[in-house]
Structure formats: C-alpha cells, structure tokens
C-alpha cells in the first residue's frame, strides 16, 4: 500500500531482474508498506481477494471491491469512468 494513496495507485510497467530480494533483507524492509490495516480491513480484504480469485469469468468489479476494503487513501479513489477504463480498456 502506498503511504499516501493507499490502494489507489496504478502500475504502468514491471521490471524483471535476476536479483532476488529476500524478505528480511534491508532493501526489502525499506520497501515495506508503512500502512497497517485494521483487523476488520484485513478480514474484509482476505474475503474480497478469495471472492475475486474464484470468480469465473473474470469480474473487474470484484477486484475493485478488494481495493475498497482499505480506508487509507480512499479520497484518491478513481472516478467511475476512470475505473471502468482502467479495468476494461473501454473508452
């Protein structure tokens, strides 16, 4: 989760390298999210994730529901038309 925007960030690219980042390395610790979810948010996020993962066919609204479980950064939530575009690529 982003320290300011929470779940409301968009990744434009993925960079793959041969370097492996171990979970307890200093570099990994520097990248850890400073955001702590409440127990309620954690349970809701786990349930939303399971629902989205098990949905056949793919339903982008279920992935949106997962993002909506996090309160931090909610004021940066995208508008409805922007959400639909990013999840479906419909103009």
N, C-alpha and C. Protein backbone atom coordinates (compact mmCIF):
# COMPACT_ATOMS: atom_id res chain seq x y z
N UNK A 1 0.84 -1.19 0.00
CA UNK A 1 0.00 0.00 0.00
C UNK A 1 0.88 1.25 0.00
N UNK A 2 0.47 2.20 -0.78
CA UNK A 2 1.23 3.45 -0.87
C UNK A 2 0.99 4.28 0.40
N UNK A 3 2.03 4.94 0.94
CA UNK A 3 1.86 5.71 2.17
C UNK A 3 0.85 6.86 2.07
N UNK A 4 0.65 7.41 0.89
CA UNK A 4 -0.32 8.49 0.71
C UNK A 4 -1.59 8.01 0.04
N UNK A 5 -1.46 7.28 -1.05
CA UNK A 5 -2.60 6.92 -1.89
C UNK A 5 -3.24 5.59 -1.55
N UNK A 6 -2.67 4.85 -0.60
CA UNK A 6 -3.24 3.55 -0.23
C UNK A 6 -3.29 2.60 -1.40
N UNK A 7 -4.47 2.06 -1.67
CA UNK A 7 -4.65 1.11 -2.77
C UNK A 7 -4.83 1.81 -4.12
N UNK A 8 -4.84 3.12 -4.12
CA UNK A 8 -5.17 3.86 -5.35
C UNK A 8 -3.93 4.35 -6.08
N UNK A 9 -3.15 3.38 -6.53
CA UNK A 9 -2.01 3.64 -7.40
C UNK A 9 -2.17 2.76 -8.63
N UNK A 10 -1.52 3.14 -9.69
CA UNK A 10 -1.56 2.33 -10.91
C UNK A 10 -0.13 2.04 -11.34
N UNK A 11 0.15 0.80 -11.62
CA UNK A 11 1.47 0.41 -12.08
C UNK A 11 1.47 0.39 -13.60
N UNK A 12 2.43 1.07 -14.19
CA UNK A 12 2.49 1.19 -15.64
C UNK A 12 3.44 0.19 -16.29
N UNK A 13 4.34 -0.38 -15.46
CA UNK A 13 5.33 -1.30 -16.01
C UNK A 13 5.84 -2.22 -14.91
N UNK A 14 6.42 -3.31 -15.33
CA UNK A 14 7.06 -4.25 -14.41
C UNK A 14 8.49 -4.44 -14.91
N UNK A 15 9.44 -4.34 -14.01
CA UNK A 15 10.84 -4.55 -14.35
C UNK A 15 11.28 -5.86 -13.73
N UNK A 16 11.82 -6.74 -14.54
CA UNK A 16 12.27 -8.05 -14.07
C UNK A 16 13.79 -8.08 -14.14
N UNK A 17 14.41 -8.47 -13.03
CA UNK A 17 15.87 -8.61 -12.99
C UNK A 17 16.22 -9.99 -12.44
N UNK A 18 17.48 -10.31 -12.51
CA UNK A 18 17.94 -11.58 -11.97
C UNK A 18 18.20 -11.49 -10.47
N UNK A 19 18.23 -10.30 -9.91
CA UNK A 19 18.49 -10.12 -8.49
C UNK A 19 17.29 -10.58 -7.68
N UNK A 20 17.57 -11.31 -6.63
CA UNK A 20 16.49 -11.79 -5.77
C UNK A 20 16.48 -10.95 -4.50
N UNK A 21 15.33 -10.48 -4.10
CA UNK A 21 15.20 -9.68 -2.89
C UNK A 21 14.62 -10.57 -1.79
N UNK A 22 15.43 -10.83 -0.80
CA UNK A 22 14.99 -11.70 0.29
C UNK A 22 14.10 -10.93 1.25
N UNK A 23 13.07 -11.57 1.82
CA UNK A 23 12.10 -10.87 2.66
C UNK A 23 12.70 -10.12 3.84
N UNK A 24 13.78 -10.61 4.42
CA UNK A 24 14.35 -9.95 5.59
C UNK A 24 15.55 -9.07 5.28
N UNK A 25 15.84 -8.84 4.00
CA UNK A 25 16.97 -8.01 3.64
C UNK A 25 16.66 -6.53 3.92
N UNK A 26 17.69 -5.72 4.14
CA UNK A 26 17.45 -4.28 4.37
C UNK A 26 16.69 -3.62 3.23
N UNK A 27 16.97 -4.05 1.98
CA UNK A 27 16.27 -3.47 0.83
C UNK A 27 14.78 -3.77 0.89
N UNK A 28 14.42 -4.98 1.29
CA UNK A 28 13.00 -5.34 1.39
C UNK A 28 12.34 -4.57 2.52
N UNK A 29 13.04 -4.40 3.61
CA UNK A 29 12.48 -3.67 4.74
C UNK A 29 12.20 -2.22 4.37
N UNK A 30 13.08 -1.63 3.53
CA UNK A 30 12.87 -0.25 3.08
C UNK A 30 11.63 -0.13 2.22
N UNK A 31 11.22 -1.22 1.57
CA UNK A 31 10.08 -1.19 0.67
C UNK A 31 8.78 -1.61 1.36
N UNK A 32 8.86 -1.98 2.61
CA UNK A 32 7.66 -2.42 3.32
C UNK A 32 6.68 -1.26 3.46
N UNK A 33 5.40 -1.56 3.34
CA UNK A 33 4.36 -0.54 3.46
C UNK A 33 4.26 -0.06 4.91
N UNK A 34 4.25 1.25 5.11
CA UNK A 34 4.09 1.77 6.47
C UNK A 34 2.62 1.74 6.93
N UNK A 35 1.73 1.31 6.06
CA UNK A 35 0.31 1.30 6.37
C UNK A 35 -0.05 -0.01 7.06
N UNK A 36 -0.75 0.09 8.18
CA UNK A 36 -1.23 -1.09 8.89
C UNK A 36 -2.75 -1.12 8.76
N UNK A 37 -3.26 -2.24 8.29
CA UNK A 37 -4.71 -2.39 8.17
C UNK A 37 -5.31 -2.79 9.51
N UNK A 38 -6.52 -2.35 9.74
CA UNK A 38 -7.23 -2.80 10.95
C UNK A 38 -7.58 -4.27 10.77
N UNK A 39 -7.94 -4.91 11.86
CA UNK A 39 -8.34 -6.32 11.77
C UNK A 39 -9.55 -6.47 10.86
N UNK A 40 -10.49 -5.53 10.94
CA UNK A 40 -11.69 -5.57 10.08
C UNK A 40 -11.30 -5.44 8.61
N UNK A 41 -10.39 -4.50 8.30
CA UNK A 41 -9.94 -4.33 6.92
C UNK A 41 -9.22 -5.58 6.41
N UNK A 42 -8.39 -6.16 7.27
CA UNK A 42 -7.65 -7.36 6.88
C UNK A 42 -8.60 -8.51 6.55
N UNK A 43 -9.58 -8.73 7.40
CA UNK A 43 -10.56 -9.81 7.15
C UNK A 43 -11.36 -9.54 5.89
N UNK A 44 -11.78 -8.28 5.71
CA UNK A 44 -12.55 -7.93 4.52
C UNK A 44 -11.71 -8.09 3.26
N UNK A 45 -10.43 -7.69 3.33
CA UNK A 45 -9.55 -7.81 2.17
C UNK A 45 -9.32 -9.27 1.81
N UNK A 46 -9.12 -10.12 2.82
CA UNK A 46 -8.91 -11.55 2.55
C UNK A 46 -10.15 -12.16 1.90
N UNK A 47 -11.32 -11.81 2.40
CA UNK A 47 -12.56 -12.34 1.83
C UNK A 47 -12.76 -11.83 0.40
N UNK A 48 -12.51 -10.54 0.17
CA UNK A 48 -12.67 -9.96 -1.17
C UNK A 48 -11.68 -10.59 -2.14
N UNK A 49 -10.46 -10.85 -1.68
CA UNK A 49 -9.45 -11.47 -2.53
C UNK A 49 -9.89 -12.87 -2.94
N UNK A 50 -10.35 -13.65 -1.99
CA UNK A 50 -10.80 -15.02 -2.29
C UNK A 50 -11.97 -15.00 -3.27
N UNK A 51 -12.89 -14.07 -3.09
CA UNK A 51 -14.03 -13.96 -3.99
C UNK A 51 -13.57 -13.60 -5.40
N UNK A 52 -12.68 -12.62 -5.51
CA UNK A 52 -12.19 -12.20 -6.83
C UNK A 52 -11.41 -13.32 -7.51
N UNK A 53 -10.59 -14.03 -6.76
CA UNK A 53 -9.78 -15.10 -7.33
C UNK A 53 -10.63 -16.27 -7.82
N UNK A 54 -11.75 -16.52 -7.17
CA UNK A 54 -12.57 -17.69 -7.52
C UNK A 54 -13.63 -17.37 -8.57
N UNK A 55 -13.79 -16.12 -8.92
CA UNK A 55 -14.83 -15.74 -9.88
C UNK A 55 -14.49 -16.20 -11.29
N UNK A 56 -15.41 -16.85 -11.90
CA UNK A 56 -15.29 -17.27 -13.30
C UNK A 56 -16.60 -16.90 -13.99
N UNK A 57 -16.60 -16.07 -14.99
CA UNK A 57 -15.45 -15.42 -15.61
C UNK A 57 -14.93 -14.26 -14.76
N UNK A 58 -13.81 -13.69 -15.18
CA UNK A 58 -13.19 -12.55 -14.52
C UNK A 58 -14.20 -11.41 -14.38
N UNK A 59 -14.28 -10.84 -13.20
CA UNK A 59 -15.17 -9.70 -12.96
C UNK A 59 -14.36 -8.59 -12.30
N UNK A 60 -14.06 -7.53 -13.03
CA UNK A 60 -13.22 -6.45 -12.51
C UNK A 60 -13.83 -5.78 -11.29
N UNK A 61 -15.13 -5.81 -11.16
CA UNK A 61 -15.77 -5.16 -10.01
C UNK A 61 -15.40 -5.84 -8.70
N UNK A 62 -15.09 -7.14 -8.76
CA UNK A 62 -14.66 -7.85 -7.56
C UNK A 62 -13.26 -7.40 -7.14
N UNK A 63 -12.40 -7.11 -8.10
CA UNK A 63 -11.08 -6.58 -7.78
C UNK A 63 -11.18 -5.15 -7.25
N UNK A 64 -12.12 -4.41 -7.75
CA UNK A 64 -12.39 -3.07 -7.23
C UNK A 64 -12.85 -3.16 -5.78
N UNK A 65 -13.69 -4.14 -5.47
CA UNK A 65 -14.17 -4.33 -4.09
C UNK A 65 -13.00 -4.61 -3.15
N UNK A 66 -11.99 -5.31 -3.63
CA UNK A 66 -10.80 -5.56 -2.81
C UNK A 66 -10.10 -4.25 -2.48
N UNK A 67 -9.92 -3.39 -3.46
CA UNK A 67 -9.28 -2.09 -3.20
C UNK A 67 -10.11 -1.25 -2.24
N UNK A 68 -11.41 -1.37 -2.34
CA UNK A 68 -12.30 -0.58 -1.49
C UNK A 68 -12.30 -1.02 -0.03
N UNK A 69 -11.68 -2.15 0.29
CA UNK A 69 -11.63 -2.58 1.70
C UNK A 69 -10.64 -1.75 2.51
N UNK A 70 -9.75 -1.03 1.84
CA UNK A 70 -8.72 -0.24 2.52
C UNK A 70 -9.18 1.21 2.66
N UNK A 71 -9.27 1.70 3.89
CA UNK A 71 -9.73 3.06 4.13
C UNK A 71 -8.66 4.10 3.80
N UNK A 72 -7.40 3.77 4.07
CA UNK A 72 -6.32 4.73 3.86
C UNK A 72 -6.22 5.09 2.36
N UNK A 73 -6.25 6.37 2.07
CA UNK A 73 -6.13 6.84 0.69
C UNK A 73 -7.43 6.83 -0.09
N UNK A 74 -8.52 6.51 0.56
CA UNK A 74 -9.80 6.40 -0.16
C UNK A 74 -10.20 7.70 -0.86
N UNK A 75 -9.71 8.82 -0.36
CA UNK A 75 -10.05 10.10 -1.01
C UNK A 75 -9.42 10.21 -2.40
N UNK A 76 -8.50 9.30 -2.73
CA UNK A 76 -7.87 9.30 -4.05
C UNK A 76 -8.50 8.26 -4.98
N UNK A 77 -9.60 7.68 -4.56
CA UNK A 77 -10.27 6.67 -5.39
C UNK A 77 -10.63 7.28 -6.74
N UNK A 78 -10.42 6.51 -7.79
CA UNK A 78 -10.71 7.00 -9.13
C UNK A 78 -12.21 7.17 -9.34
N UNK A 79 -12.56 8.04 -10.27
CA UNK A 79 -13.96 8.23 -10.65
C UNK A 79 -14.45 7.00 -11.42
N UNK A 80 -15.77 6.81 -11.48
CA UNK A 80 -16.37 5.61 -12.08
C UNK A 80 -15.91 5.37 -13.51
N UNK A 81 -15.90 6.43 -14.34
CA UNK A 81 -15.49 6.22 -15.73
C UNK A 81 -14.01 5.87 -15.86
N UNK A 82 -13.19 6.44 -14.99
CA UNK A 82 -11.77 6.13 -15.00
C UNK A 82 -11.53 4.68 -14.53
N UNK A 83 -12.28 4.25 -13.52
CA UNK A 83 -12.18 2.86 -13.05
C UNK A 83 -12.54 1.89 -14.16
N UNK A 84 -13.65 2.14 -14.82
CA UNK A 84 -14.07 1.24 -15.89
C UNK A 84 -13.02 1.17 -17.00
N UNK A 85 -12.46 2.32 -17.37
CA UNK A 85 -11.45 2.33 -18.42
C UNK A 85 -10.23 1.50 -18.01
N UNK A 86 -9.73 1.73 -16.81
CA UNK A 86 -8.51 1.03 -16.39
C UNK A 86 -8.70 -0.48 -16.24
N UNK A 87 -9.88 -0.88 -15.84
CA UNK A 87 -10.12 -2.31 -15.67
C UNK A 87 -10.56 -2.99 -16.96
N UNK A 88 -11.21 -2.27 -17.87
CA UNK A 88 -11.76 -2.92 -19.07
C UNK A 88 -11.14 -2.43 -20.37
N UNK A 89 -10.49 -1.27 -20.34
CA UNK A 89 -9.95 -0.60 -21.52
C UNK A 89 -11.05 -0.13 -22.48
N UNK A 90 -12.28 -0.06 -21.99
CA UNK A 90 -13.36 0.51 -22.80
C UNK A 90 -13.24 2.02 -22.78
N UNK A 91 -13.24 2.66 -23.95
CA UNK A 91 -13.10 4.13 -24.00
C UNK A 91 -14.33 4.84 -23.45
